[in-house]
N, C-alpha and C. Protein backbone atom coordinates (compact mmCIF):
# COMPACT_ATOMS: atom_id res chain seq x y z
N UNK A 1 123.10 88.11 76.25
CA UNK A 1 122.56 88.71 77.19
C UNK A 1 123.41 89.74 77.83
N UNK A 2 123.27 90.96 78.09
CA UNK A 2 124.35 91.68 78.95
C UNK A 2 124.42 91.44 80.36
N UNK A 3 125.64 91.59 81.08
CA UNK A 3 125.59 91.42 82.44
C UNK A 3 124.68 92.09 83.41
N UNK A 4 124.48 93.38 82.97
CA UNK A 4 123.26 94.09 83.71
C UNK A 4 121.94 93.31 83.61
N UNK A 5 121.59 92.89 82.66
CA UNK A 5 120.27 92.23 82.34
C UNK A 5 120.31 90.90 83.33
N UNK A 6 121.42 90.15 83.35
CA UNK A 6 121.70 88.79 83.98
C UNK A 6 121.46 89.11 85.44
N UNK A 7 122.05 90.27 85.89
CA UNK A 7 121.92 90.65 87.33
C UNK A 7 120.75 90.99 87.56
N UNK A 8 120.13 91.75 86.78
CA UNK A 8 118.62 92.15 86.98
C UNK A 8 117.76 90.98 87.16
N UNK A 9 117.74 89.77 86.40
CA UNK A 9 117.13 88.75 86.35
C UNK A 9 117.36 87.84 87.55
N UNK A 10 118.55 87.82 87.97
CA UNK A 10 118.98 87.31 89.19
C UNK A 10 118.29 87.94 90.49
N UNK A 11 117.93 89.39 90.53
CA UNK A 11 117.43 90.00 91.54
C UNK A 11 115.95 89.88 91.55
N UNK A 12 115.29 89.88 90.36
CA UNK A 12 113.91 89.69 90.43
C UNK A 12 113.59 88.28 90.53
N UNK A 13 114.55 87.38 90.33
CA UNK A 13 114.28 85.76 90.57
C UNK A 13 114.22 85.86 92.11
N UNK A 14 115.11 86.36 92.81
CA UNK A 14 115.34 86.24 94.15
C UNK A 14 114.06 86.93 94.87
N UNK A 15 113.67 88.19 94.17
CA UNK A 15 112.62 88.70 94.83
C UNK A 15 111.23 88.01 94.80
N UNK A 16 110.96 87.27 93.66
CA UNK A 16 109.86 86.05 93.41
C UNK A 16 110.00 85.12 94.51
N UNK A 17 111.11 84.57 94.74
CA UNK A 17 111.44 83.50 95.71
C UNK A 17 111.05 84.07 97.12
N UNK A 18 111.50 85.15 97.51
CA UNK A 18 111.14 85.68 98.83
C UNK A 18 109.66 85.89 99.13
N UNK A 19 109.11 86.69 97.91
CA UNK A 19 107.81 86.87 98.22
C UNK A 19 106.76 85.81 98.16
N UNK A 20 106.97 84.95 97.30
CA UNK A 20 106.28 83.47 97.35
C UNK A 20 106.39 82.61 98.42
N UNK A 21 107.66 82.71 98.92
CA UNK A 21 107.78 82.06 100.30
C UNK A 21 107.02 82.52 101.28
N UNK A 22 107.23 83.95 101.29
CA UNK A 22 106.40 84.53 102.63
C UNK A 22 104.93 84.30 102.50
N UNK A 23 104.38 84.73 101.39
CA UNK A 23 103.04 84.22 101.33
C UNK A 23 102.62 82.86 101.55
N UNK A 24 103.45 81.96 101.01
CA UNK A 24 103.11 80.60 101.12
C UNK A 24 103.26 80.11 102.67
N UNK A 25 104.26 80.56 103.29
CA UNK A 25 104.60 80.18 104.68
C UNK A 25 103.52 80.80 105.62
N UNK A 26 103.07 81.97 105.39
CA UNK A 26 101.90 82.57 106.22
C UNK A 26 100.49 81.79 105.96
N UNK A 27 100.46 81.44 104.66
CA UNK A 27 99.18 80.82 104.45
C UNK A 27 98.97 79.57 105.17
N UNK A 28 100.10 78.67 105.20
CA UNK A 28 100.14 77.44 105.94
C UNK A 28 100.04 77.63 107.47
N UNK A 29 100.81 78.57 107.94
CA UNK A 29 100.60 78.96 109.33
C UNK A 29 99.21 79.39 109.57
N UNK A 30 98.53 80.08 108.76
CA UNK A 30 97.11 80.55 109.01
C UNK A 30 96.03 79.39 108.83
N UNK A 31 96.31 78.39 108.35
CA UNK A 31 95.42 77.19 108.02
C UNK A 31 95.88 76.42 109.33
N UNK A 32 96.93 76.27 109.75
CA UNK A 32 97.13 75.58 110.98
C UNK A 32 96.60 76.31 112.32
N UNK A 33 96.18 77.54 112.12
CA UNK A 33 95.63 78.20 113.34
C UNK A 33 96.76 78.79 114.05
N UNK A 34 97.93 78.98 113.68
CA UNK A 34 99.12 79.42 114.60
C UNK A 34 99.03 81.02 114.79
N UNK A 35 98.07 81.67 114.01
CA UNK A 35 98.00 83.08 114.37
C UNK A 35 96.72 83.37 115.15
N UNK A 36 95.91 82.40 115.55
CA UNK A 36 94.68 82.54 116.29
C UNK A 36 94.91 82.90 117.71
N UNK A 37 94.21 83.96 118.10
CA UNK A 37 94.23 84.26 119.60
C UNK A 37 93.54 83.19 120.42
N UNK A 38 94.11 82.80 121.53
CA UNK A 38 93.54 81.95 122.50
C UNK A 38 92.18 82.23 122.76
N UNK A 39 91.34 81.15 122.61
CA UNK A 39 89.95 81.28 123.07
C UNK A 39 88.91 81.76 121.97
N UNK A 40 89.43 82.22 120.79
CA UNK A 40 88.50 82.63 119.79
C UNK A 40 88.08 81.39 119.02
N UNK A 41 87.10 81.79 118.45
CA UNK A 41 86.33 80.54 117.59
C UNK A 41 87.20 80.16 116.40
N UNK A 42 87.31 78.89 116.04
CA UNK A 42 88.15 78.18 115.03
C UNK A 42 87.27 78.18 113.59
N UNK A 43 87.36 79.27 112.56
CA UNK A 43 86.60 79.06 111.56
C UNK A 43 87.13 77.87 110.61
N UNK A 44 86.23 77.56 109.64
CA UNK A 44 86.52 76.50 108.80
C UNK A 44 87.65 76.84 108.03
N UNK A 45 88.18 75.65 107.31
CA UNK A 45 89.26 76.02 106.50
C UNK A 45 88.93 76.72 105.26
N UNK A 46 87.89 76.66 104.71
CA UNK A 46 87.31 77.51 103.60
C UNK A 46 87.37 78.99 104.00
N UNK A 47 86.80 79.29 105.13
CA UNK A 47 86.73 80.63 105.72
C UNK A 47 88.08 81.27 106.04
N UNK A 48 88.96 80.37 106.55
CA UNK A 48 90.38 80.93 106.80
C UNK A 48 91.06 81.21 105.49
N UNK A 49 90.97 80.39 104.28
CA UNK A 49 91.62 80.80 103.04
C UNK A 49 90.87 82.04 102.48
N UNK A 50 89.79 82.08 102.73
CA UNK A 50 89.19 83.45 102.14
C UNK A 50 89.58 84.51 102.76
N UNK A 51 89.46 84.74 104.19
CA UNK A 51 90.06 85.69 105.03
C UNK A 51 91.39 85.93 104.61
N UNK A 52 92.20 84.95 104.64
CA UNK A 52 93.75 85.16 104.16
C UNK A 52 93.87 86.07 102.94
N UNK A 53 93.31 85.77 101.93
CA UNK A 53 93.24 86.32 100.64
C UNK A 53 92.64 87.65 100.67
N UNK A 54 91.90 88.00 101.50
CA UNK A 54 91.35 89.23 101.80
C UNK A 54 92.12 90.41 102.40
N UNK A 55 93.11 89.72 103.00
CA UNK A 55 94.16 91.14 103.49
C UNK A 55 94.98 91.64 102.45
N UNK A 56 94.84 93.17 102.55
CA UNK A 56 95.70 93.77 101.78
C UNK A 56 97.10 93.29 101.62
N UNK A 57 97.73 92.83 102.70
CA UNK A 57 98.82 92.69 102.73
C UNK A 57 99.27 91.26 101.78
N UNK A 58 98.43 90.31 101.94
CA UNK A 58 98.48 89.12 101.12
C UNK A 58 98.38 89.53 99.60
N UNK A 59 97.60 90.35 99.29
CA UNK A 59 97.43 90.71 97.83
C UNK A 59 98.62 91.49 97.41
N UNK A 60 99.09 92.41 98.38
CA UNK A 60 100.29 93.05 98.05
C UNK A 60 101.60 92.19 97.93
N UNK A 61 101.69 91.17 98.48
CA UNK A 61 102.67 90.23 98.44
C UNK A 61 102.81 89.41 97.22
N UNK A 62 101.58 88.83 96.96
CA UNK A 62 101.07 88.15 95.76
C UNK A 62 101.54 89.16 94.52
N UNK A 63 101.23 90.30 94.61
CA UNK A 63 101.57 91.04 93.25
C UNK A 63 102.93 91.20 93.12
N UNK A 64 103.80 91.33 94.36
CA UNK A 64 105.18 91.31 94.16
C UNK A 64 105.80 90.22 93.49
N UNK A 65 105.42 88.80 93.94
CA UNK A 65 105.64 87.71 93.29
C UNK A 65 105.27 87.68 91.99
N UNK A 66 104.04 87.99 91.53
CA UNK A 66 103.68 87.88 90.17
C UNK A 66 104.47 89.02 89.24
N UNK A 67 104.63 89.94 89.66
CA UNK A 67 105.41 91.08 88.80
C UNK A 67 106.94 90.81 88.67
N UNK A 68 107.39 90.26 89.94
CA UNK A 68 108.90 89.68 89.86
C UNK A 68 109.04 88.63 89.02
N UNK A 69 108.00 87.81 88.84
CA UNK A 69 108.35 86.66 87.89
C UNK A 69 108.04 86.93 86.50
N UNK A 70 107.37 88.05 86.12
CA UNK A 70 107.28 88.52 84.75
C UNK A 70 108.56 89.22 84.41
N UNK A 71 109.23 90.08 85.41
CA UNK A 71 110.56 90.60 85.30
C UNK A 71 111.71 89.70 85.18
N UNK A 72 111.49 88.55 85.71
CA UNK A 72 112.58 87.57 85.65
C UNK A 72 112.56 87.04 84.36
N UNK A 73 111.57 86.82 83.56
CA UNK A 73 111.50 86.35 82.23
C UNK A 73 112.06 87.48 81.43
N UNK A 74 111.63 88.95 81.85
CA UNK A 74 111.85 89.98 80.67
C UNK A 74 112.07 91.22 81.38
N UNK A 75 113.34 91.62 81.96
CA UNK A 75 113.59 92.75 82.82
C UNK A 75 113.17 93.92 82.35
N UNK A 76 112.77 94.14 80.93
CA UNK A 76 112.51 95.37 80.29
C UNK A 76 110.93 95.36 80.24
N UNK A 77 110.33 94.65 80.75
CA UNK A 77 108.82 94.21 80.48
C UNK A 77 108.08 95.48 80.55
N UNK A 78 107.11 95.67 79.60
CA UNK A 78 106.34 96.74 79.38
C UNK A 78 104.84 96.44 78.95
N UNK A 79 103.87 97.40 78.91
CA UNK A 79 102.44 96.98 78.55
C UNK A 79 101.52 97.97 79.29
N UNK A 80 100.52 98.25 78.70
CA UNK A 80 99.40 99.17 79.19
C UNK A 80 98.96 98.79 80.59
N UNK A 81 98.56 97.66 80.56
CA UNK A 81 97.92 97.32 82.17
C UNK A 81 98.94 96.90 82.87
N UNK A 82 100.08 96.37 82.31
CA UNK A 82 101.22 95.93 83.25
C UNK A 82 101.96 96.99 84.02
N UNK A 83 101.83 98.30 83.31
CA UNK A 83 102.32 99.34 84.06
C UNK A 83 101.38 99.68 85.27
N UNK A 84 100.03 99.70 85.06
CA UNK A 84 99.36 99.82 86.19
C UNK A 84 99.46 98.93 87.41
N UNK A 85 99.66 97.54 87.01
CA UNK A 85 99.92 96.54 87.85
C UNK A 85 101.25 96.66 88.82
N UNK A 86 102.25 97.12 87.90
CA UNK A 86 103.56 97.17 88.45
C UNK A 86 103.67 98.49 89.49
N UNK A 87 102.97 99.57 89.22
CA UNK A 87 102.72 100.71 90.04
C UNK A 87 102.09 100.35 91.28
N UNK A 88 100.80 99.56 91.11
CA UNK A 88 99.98 99.02 92.39
C UNK A 88 100.85 98.25 93.16
N UNK A 89 101.87 97.37 92.64
CA UNK A 89 102.62 96.40 93.48
C UNK A 89 103.57 97.25 94.44
N UNK A 90 104.15 98.15 93.78
CA UNK A 90 105.09 99.13 94.43
C UNK A 90 104.57 99.86 95.53
N UNK A 91 103.44 100.58 95.10
CA UNK A 91 102.78 101.49 95.99
C UNK A 91 101.94 100.48 97.09
N UNK A 92 101.62 99.46 96.90
CA UNK A 92 100.84 98.60 97.66
C UNK A 92 101.81 97.93 98.78
N UNK A 93 102.91 97.53 98.30
CA UNK A 93 103.81 96.86 99.24
C UNK A 93 104.64 98.04 100.32
N UNK A 94 104.68 99.06 99.31
CA UNK A 94 105.24 100.16 100.36
C UNK A 94 104.20 100.53 101.52
N UNK A 95 103.18 100.59 101.04
CA UNK A 95 101.97 101.05 102.25
C UNK A 95 102.02 99.85 103.16
N UNK A 96 102.08 98.62 102.81
CA UNK A 96 102.07 97.57 103.63
C UNK A 96 103.11 97.67 104.71
N UNK A 97 104.28 97.96 104.37
CA UNK A 97 105.38 98.08 105.05
C UNK A 97 105.11 99.25 106.07
N UNK A 98 104.82 100.43 105.66
CA UNK A 98 104.54 101.56 106.58
C UNK A 98 103.42 101.60 107.45
N UNK A 99 102.36 100.71 107.07
CA UNK A 99 101.15 100.81 107.89
C UNK A 99 101.51 99.69 109.14
N UNK A 100 102.12 98.55 108.75
CA UNK A 100 102.53 97.53 109.67
C UNK A 100 103.56 98.23 110.62
N UNK A 101 104.37 98.92 110.12
CA UNK A 101 105.41 99.41 111.23
C UNK A 101 104.85 100.33 112.00
N UNK A 102 104.13 101.22 111.64
CA UNK A 102 103.53 102.59 112.46
C UNK A 102 102.32 101.89 113.18
N UNK A 103 101.47 101.11 112.70
CA UNK A 103 100.13 101.11 113.19
C UNK A 103 100.16 99.65 113.93
N UNK A 104 100.43 98.51 113.09
CA UNK A 104 100.25 97.18 113.69
C UNK A 104 101.46 96.57 114.40
N UNK A 105 102.64 96.86 114.12
CA UNK A 105 103.92 96.35 114.67
C UNK A 105 103.90 96.78 116.10
N UNK A 106 103.63 97.82 116.73
CA UNK A 106 103.50 98.32 118.21
C UNK A 106 102.69 97.15 118.97
N UNK A 107 101.66 96.63 118.23
CA UNK A 107 100.70 95.50 118.88
C UNK A 107 101.16 94.15 118.77
N UNK A 108 101.94 94.11 118.04
CA UNK A 108 102.48 92.43 117.81
C UNK A 108 103.53 92.23 118.88
N UNK A 109 103.28 90.91 119.21
CA UNK A 109 104.17 90.38 120.24
C UNK A 109 104.39 88.76 119.84
N UNK A 110 104.89 88.91 118.60
CA UNK A 110 104.99 87.49 118.08
C UNK A 110 106.53 86.99 118.45
N UNK A 111 106.62 85.64 118.68
CA UNK A 111 108.00 85.09 119.02
C UNK A 111 108.15 83.89 118.01
N UNK A 112 109.61 83.38 117.91
CA UNK A 112 109.95 82.44 117.08
C UNK A 112 109.64 82.52 115.71
N UNK A 113 109.09 81.45 115.16
CA UNK A 113 108.73 81.40 113.79
C UNK A 113 107.73 82.28 113.25
N UNK A 114 106.95 82.81 114.15
CA UNK A 114 105.68 83.66 113.83
C UNK A 114 106.44 85.00 113.69
N UNK A 115 107.34 85.26 114.56
CA UNK A 115 108.04 86.60 114.27
C UNK A 115 108.92 86.55 113.08
N UNK A 116 109.57 85.51 112.72
CA UNK A 116 110.47 85.45 111.37
C UNK A 116 109.43 85.56 110.27
N UNK A 117 108.17 84.72 110.27
CA UNK A 117 107.30 84.94 109.15
C UNK A 117 106.82 86.32 108.91
N UNK A 118 106.34 86.88 110.13
CA UNK A 118 105.79 88.36 110.01
C UNK A 118 106.92 89.40 109.52
N UNK A 119 108.06 89.35 110.05
CA UNK A 119 109.13 90.11 109.72
C UNK A 119 109.38 89.97 108.12
N UNK A 120 109.35 88.92 107.66
CA UNK A 120 109.79 88.45 106.30
C UNK A 120 108.73 89.04 105.33
N UNK A 121 107.27 89.15 105.87
CA UNK A 121 106.32 89.67 105.14
C UNK A 121 106.03 90.83 105.02
N UNK A 122 106.29 91.50 106.22
CA UNK A 122 105.94 92.92 106.31
C UNK A 122 107.19 93.89 106.42
N UNK A 123 108.49 93.45 106.45
CA UNK A 123 109.68 93.98 106.32
C UNK A 123 110.53 93.82 105.04
N UNK A 124 110.75 92.46 105.19
CA UNK A 124 111.98 91.95 103.97
C UNK A 124 111.21 92.12 102.64
N UNK A 125 110.12 91.73 102.40
CA UNK A 125 109.47 91.69 101.16
C UNK A 125 109.29 93.33 100.43
N UNK A 126 108.85 94.15 101.35
CA UNK A 126 108.88 95.51 101.01
C UNK A 126 110.08 96.07 100.63
N UNK A 127 111.29 95.79 101.48
CA UNK A 127 112.44 96.43 101.07
C UNK A 127 113.00 95.90 100.01
N UNK A 128 112.98 94.60 99.96
CA UNK A 128 113.69 94.10 98.49
C UNK A 128 112.66 94.31 97.31
N UNK A 129 111.43 94.62 97.31
CA UNK A 129 110.85 94.68 96.19
C UNK A 129 111.06 96.50 95.67
N UNK A 130 111.14 97.31 96.71
CA UNK A 130 111.49 98.78 96.48
C UNK A 130 112.91 98.89 95.90
N UNK A 131 113.76 98.13 96.70
CA UNK A 131 115.20 98.19 96.16
C UNK A 131 115.51 97.77 94.92
N UNK A 132 114.65 96.62 94.60
CA UNK A 132 114.95 95.99 93.18
C UNK A 132 114.57 97.19 92.00
N UNK A 133 113.31 97.64 92.33
CA UNK A 133 112.91 98.77 91.57
C UNK A 133 113.80 99.95 91.54
N UNK A 134 114.29 100.21 92.65
CA UNK A 134 115.49 101.53 92.72
C UNK A 134 116.52 101.27 91.73
N UNK A 135 117.10 100.04 91.75
CA UNK A 135 118.34 99.61 91.03
C UNK A 135 117.99 99.13 89.47
N UNK A 136 117.00 98.30 89.29
CA UNK A 136 116.89 97.81 88.04
C UNK A 136 115.47 98.08 87.26
N UNK A 137 114.67 99.16 87.91
CA UNK A 137 113.32 99.55 87.26
C UNK A 137 112.51 98.46 86.92
N UNK A 138 112.01 98.17 85.78
CA UNK A 138 112.28 99.28 84.77
C UNK A 138 111.35 100.60 84.99
N UNK A 139 112.03 101.48 84.34
CA UNK A 139 111.41 102.87 84.37
C UNK A 139 110.84 103.56 83.28
N UNK A 140 110.27 104.64 83.48
CA UNK A 140 109.69 105.36 82.29
C UNK A 140 108.48 104.54 81.89
N UNK A 141 107.78 104.26 83.12
CA UNK A 141 106.56 103.31 82.97
C UNK A 141 105.23 104.11 83.43
N UNK A 142 105.43 105.23 84.35
CA UNK A 142 104.31 105.61 85.07
C UNK A 142 103.95 107.08 84.33
N UNK A 143 102.82 107.40 84.34
CA UNK A 143 102.03 108.75 83.77
C UNK A 143 101.06 108.78 84.63
N UNK A 144 100.41 110.09 84.25
CA UNK A 144 99.15 110.25 85.10
C UNK A 144 97.82 109.56 84.95
N UNK A 145 97.87 108.98 83.70
CA UNK A 145 96.90 107.95 83.43
C UNK A 145 97.07 106.67 84.28
N UNK A 146 98.30 106.19 84.32
CA UNK A 146 98.59 105.01 85.11
C UNK A 146 98.42 105.04 86.61
N UNK A 147 98.66 106.54 86.92
CA UNK A 147 98.55 106.68 88.57
C UNK A 147 97.02 106.67 88.85
N UNK A 148 96.20 107.32 87.99
CA UNK A 148 94.70 107.13 87.99
C UNK A 148 94.28 105.80 87.99
N UNK A 149 94.55 105.21 87.03
CA UNK A 149 94.25 103.53 86.96
C UNK A 149 94.48 102.63 88.10
N UNK A 150 95.61 103.24 88.68
CA UNK A 150 96.18 102.61 89.92
C UNK A 150 95.34 102.59 91.03
N UNK A 151 94.40 103.49 91.07
CA UNK A 151 93.48 103.73 92.11
C UNK A 151 92.42 102.70 92.23
N UNK A 152 91.99 101.99 91.00
CA UNK A 152 90.89 100.95 91.00
C UNK A 152 91.12 100.06 92.03
N UNK A 153 92.29 99.39 92.28
CA UNK A 153 92.52 98.18 93.21
C UNK A 153 92.12 98.84 94.47
N UNK A 154 92.91 99.96 95.11
CA UNK A 154 92.64 100.23 96.51
C UNK A 154 91.25 100.63 96.88
N UNK A 155 90.64 101.43 95.87
CA UNK A 155 89.06 101.71 96.03
C UNK A 155 88.32 100.40 96.15
N UNK A 156 88.47 99.54 95.17
CA UNK A 156 87.81 98.24 95.24
C UNK A 156 88.01 97.52 96.40
N UNK A 157 89.34 97.32 96.89
CA UNK A 157 89.54 96.68 98.06
C UNK A 157 88.95 97.27 99.31
N UNK A 158 88.91 98.52 99.45
CA UNK A 158 88.28 99.28 100.47
C UNK A 158 86.92 98.91 100.52
N UNK A 159 86.31 99.26 99.37
CA UNK A 159 84.76 98.84 99.36
C UNK A 159 84.38 97.61 99.52
N UNK A 160 85.15 96.58 99.14
CA UNK A 160 84.98 95.23 99.31
C UNK A 160 85.11 95.08 100.95
N UNK A 161 86.03 95.36 101.40
CA UNK A 161 86.55 95.07 102.96
C UNK A 161 85.12 95.68 103.80
N UNK A 162 84.68 96.93 103.48
CA UNK A 162 83.75 97.64 104.35
C UNK A 162 82.32 96.89 104.06
N UNK A 163 82.24 96.58 102.94
CA UNK A 163 80.89 95.90 102.63
C UNK A 163 80.72 94.39 103.37
N UNK A 164 81.91 93.74 103.09
CA UNK A 164 81.83 92.37 103.87
C UNK A 164 81.96 92.47 105.22
N UNK A 165 82.64 93.36 105.81
CA UNK A 165 82.58 93.59 107.15
C UNK A 165 81.05 93.91 107.67
N UNK A 166 80.58 94.75 106.96
CA UNK A 166 79.27 94.99 107.41
C UNK A 166 78.27 93.87 107.54
N UNK A 167 78.52 92.98 106.56
CA UNK A 167 77.63 91.80 106.40
C UNK A 167 78.02 90.72 107.29
N UNK A 168 79.29 90.47 107.48
CA UNK A 168 79.77 89.21 108.33
C UNK A 168 80.32 89.72 109.70
N UNK A 169 80.55 91.09 109.78
CA UNK A 169 81.28 91.53 111.11
C UNK A 169 82.72 91.09 111.22
N UNK A 170 83.28 90.66 110.12
CA UNK A 170 84.76 90.66 110.05
C UNK A 170 85.50 91.29 109.12
N UNK A 171 86.45 91.91 109.82
CA UNK A 171 87.18 92.83 109.14
C UNK A 171 88.89 92.50 109.29
N UNK A 172 89.75 92.60 108.20
CA UNK A 172 91.03 92.27 108.39
C UNK A 172 91.81 93.02 109.24
N UNK A 173 91.47 94.37 109.45
CA UNK A 173 92.27 95.31 110.29
C UNK A 173 91.46 95.95 111.32
N UNK A 174 92.03 96.16 112.37
CA UNK A 174 91.08 97.00 113.53
C UNK A 174 90.72 98.24 112.98
N UNK A 175 91.56 98.88 112.42
CA UNK A 175 91.33 100.44 112.17
C UNK A 175 90.23 100.42 111.09
N UNK A 176 89.58 99.45 110.48
CA UNK A 176 88.46 99.49 109.63
C UNK A 176 87.30 98.99 110.09
N UNK A 177 87.46 98.30 111.36
CA UNK A 177 86.19 97.68 112.12
C UNK A 177 85.41 98.71 112.83
N UNK A 178 84.33 98.92 112.31
CA UNK A 178 83.27 99.98 112.86
C UNK A 178 83.01 99.76 114.30
N UNK A 179 82.95 98.47 114.64
CA UNK A 179 82.79 98.22 116.21
C UNK A 179 83.69 98.69 116.99
N UNK A 180 85.02 98.62 116.59
CA UNK A 180 86.31 98.88 117.41
C UNK A 180 86.47 100.48 117.42
N UNK A 181 86.37 101.11 115.91
CA UNK A 181 86.97 102.29 115.66
C UNK A 181 85.92 103.30 115.45
N UNK A 182 84.72 102.94 115.17
CA UNK A 182 83.34 103.74 115.09
C UNK A 182 83.35 104.28 113.73
N UNK A 183 82.18 104.69 113.11
CA UNK A 183 82.21 104.96 111.63
C UNK A 183 83.07 106.16 111.44
N UNK A 184 82.95 107.12 112.25
CA UNK A 184 83.83 108.39 111.93
C UNK A 184 85.48 107.89 111.94
N UNK A 185 85.89 107.06 112.87
CA UNK A 185 87.35 106.60 112.88
C UNK A 185 87.45 105.72 111.43
N UNK A 186 86.74 104.91 111.19
CA UNK A 186 86.92 104.50 109.93
C UNK A 186 87.01 105.12 108.79
N UNK A 187 86.00 106.29 108.61
CA UNK A 187 85.98 107.12 107.65
C UNK A 187 87.40 107.99 107.51
N UNK A 188 87.90 108.24 108.84
CA UNK A 188 89.16 109.01 108.78
C UNK A 188 90.19 108.21 108.29
N UNK A 189 90.34 107.00 108.76
CA UNK A 189 91.35 105.93 108.23
C UNK A 189 91.34 105.69 106.94
N UNK A 190 90.15 105.57 106.33
CA UNK A 190 89.81 105.42 104.75
C UNK A 190 90.62 106.51 104.06
N UNK A 191 90.14 107.74 104.49
CA UNK A 191 90.65 108.85 103.75
C UNK A 191 92.21 108.99 104.04
N UNK A 192 92.71 108.74 105.30
CA UNK A 192 94.20 108.73 105.14
C UNK A 192 94.89 107.79 104.41
N UNK A 193 94.27 106.66 104.27
CA UNK A 193 94.83 105.43 103.63
C UNK A 193 94.98 105.93 101.90
N UNK A 194 93.85 106.39 101.50
CA UNK A 194 93.78 106.95 100.08
C UNK A 194 94.77 107.89 99.92
N UNK A 195 94.79 109.07 100.65
CA UNK A 195 95.75 110.18 100.75
C UNK A 195 97.09 109.69 100.86
N UNK A 196 97.45 108.46 101.61
CA UNK A 196 98.77 107.87 101.46
C UNK A 196 99.10 107.24 100.23
N UNK A 197 98.07 106.63 99.70
CA UNK A 197 98.25 106.11 98.43
C UNK A 197 98.68 107.14 97.38
N UNK A 198 97.93 108.07 97.37
CA UNK A 198 98.30 109.30 96.41
C UNK A 198 99.55 109.64 96.72
N UNK A 199 99.90 109.89 97.79
CA UNK A 199 101.54 110.46 98.17
C UNK A 199 102.53 109.54 97.82
N UNK A 200 102.21 108.13 98.07
CA UNK A 200 103.23 107.30 97.69
C UNK A 200 103.21 106.94 96.16
N UNK A 201 102.20 107.14 95.26
CA UNK A 201 101.96 106.93 93.90
C UNK A 201 102.83 108.23 93.48
N UNK A 202 102.64 109.40 93.94
CA UNK A 202 103.36 110.56 93.39
C UNK A 202 104.86 110.43 93.63
N UNK A 203 105.31 109.86 94.60
CA UNK A 203 106.62 109.54 94.79
C UNK A 203 107.48 108.60 93.91
N UNK A 204 106.59 107.72 93.60
CA UNK A 204 107.08 106.66 92.69
C UNK A 204 107.03 107.27 91.23
N UNK A 205 106.08 108.12 90.86
CA UNK A 205 105.96 108.85 89.66
C UNK A 205 107.11 109.72 89.51
N UNK A 206 107.46 110.52 90.60
CA UNK A 206 108.51 111.28 90.32
C UNK A 206 109.79 110.59 90.31
N UNK A 207 109.87 109.38 90.77
CA UNK A 207 111.34 108.65 90.86
C UNK A 207 111.35 108.05 89.58
N UNK A 208 110.22 107.47 89.06
CA UNK A 208 110.00 106.95 87.68
C UNK A 208 110.53 108.01 86.46
N UNK A 209 110.42 109.48 86.82
CA UNK A 209 110.84 110.42 85.79
C UNK A 209 112.41 110.67 86.00
N UNK A 210 112.71 110.74 87.24
CA UNK A 210 114.09 111.37 87.58
C UNK A 210 115.24 110.26 87.71
N UNK A 211 115.09 109.03 87.96
CA UNK A 211 116.01 108.18 88.10
C UNK A 211 116.38 107.66 86.62
N UNK A 212 117.36 106.91 86.46
CA UNK A 212 117.97 106.67 84.99
C UNK A 212 117.13 105.65 84.51
N UNK A 213 116.92 105.58 83.36
CA UNK A 213 115.84 104.57 82.73
C UNK A 213 116.26 103.24 82.99
N UNK A 214 117.49 103.05 83.00
CA UNK A 214 118.05 101.51 83.17
C UNK A 214 119.51 101.71 84.16
N UNK A 215 119.77 100.73 84.78
CA UNK A 215 120.72 100.90 85.79
C UNK A 215 121.84 100.36 84.94
N UNK A 216 123.26 101.15 85.30
CA UNK A 216 124.35 100.76 84.62
C UNK A 216 124.87 99.31 84.82
N UNK A 217 125.26 98.75 83.70
CA UNK A 217 126.05 97.56 83.82
C UNK A 217 127.05 97.28 84.85
N UNK A 218 127.14 96.47 85.65
CA UNK A 218 128.22 96.31 86.79
C UNK A 218 129.50 96.05 86.05
């Protein structure tokens, strides 16, 4: 095994550990009710778990952990649907970081371990995941067909979120809550999210074509 491949496996292994630790830590905190606002109703454990895994952030971090684990085993991993999942991982975690920083971070007032957990999930994981791709790829994996197939997940998540919200009244994010933002506001945010998805996908597609296929051995 070449030295570059060994280093890549170490980096992807570290990415897996960071992402898996972040999502596990937040899940435990959520089950314990540490994120609850004072005075709000306490949902049952099953509802808490369902809501936790309904968050786009949770799904994005899980994808980071899963794809990093596959790359730990095989840094040059490839496959028809793996390409789609890998692109969705990179785009999803990038948007997670951007949306959190510009929309949600100004509203957060977490302290102590909650701040550490929030920062690990929304800042550290996106940076580590994208940095690992920039250095170690693998690249030459994105095509127009992959970009189009990559839209399945965000469209499905958005449709699921709006449908469940209309039925239960619970939305994972305030900007998708019709009662807070209004139908017009939700429509604008939804279109903006999809446009942002298309833009970030195009950036990764361009980087996939222009950056070296593999990182040079150290």
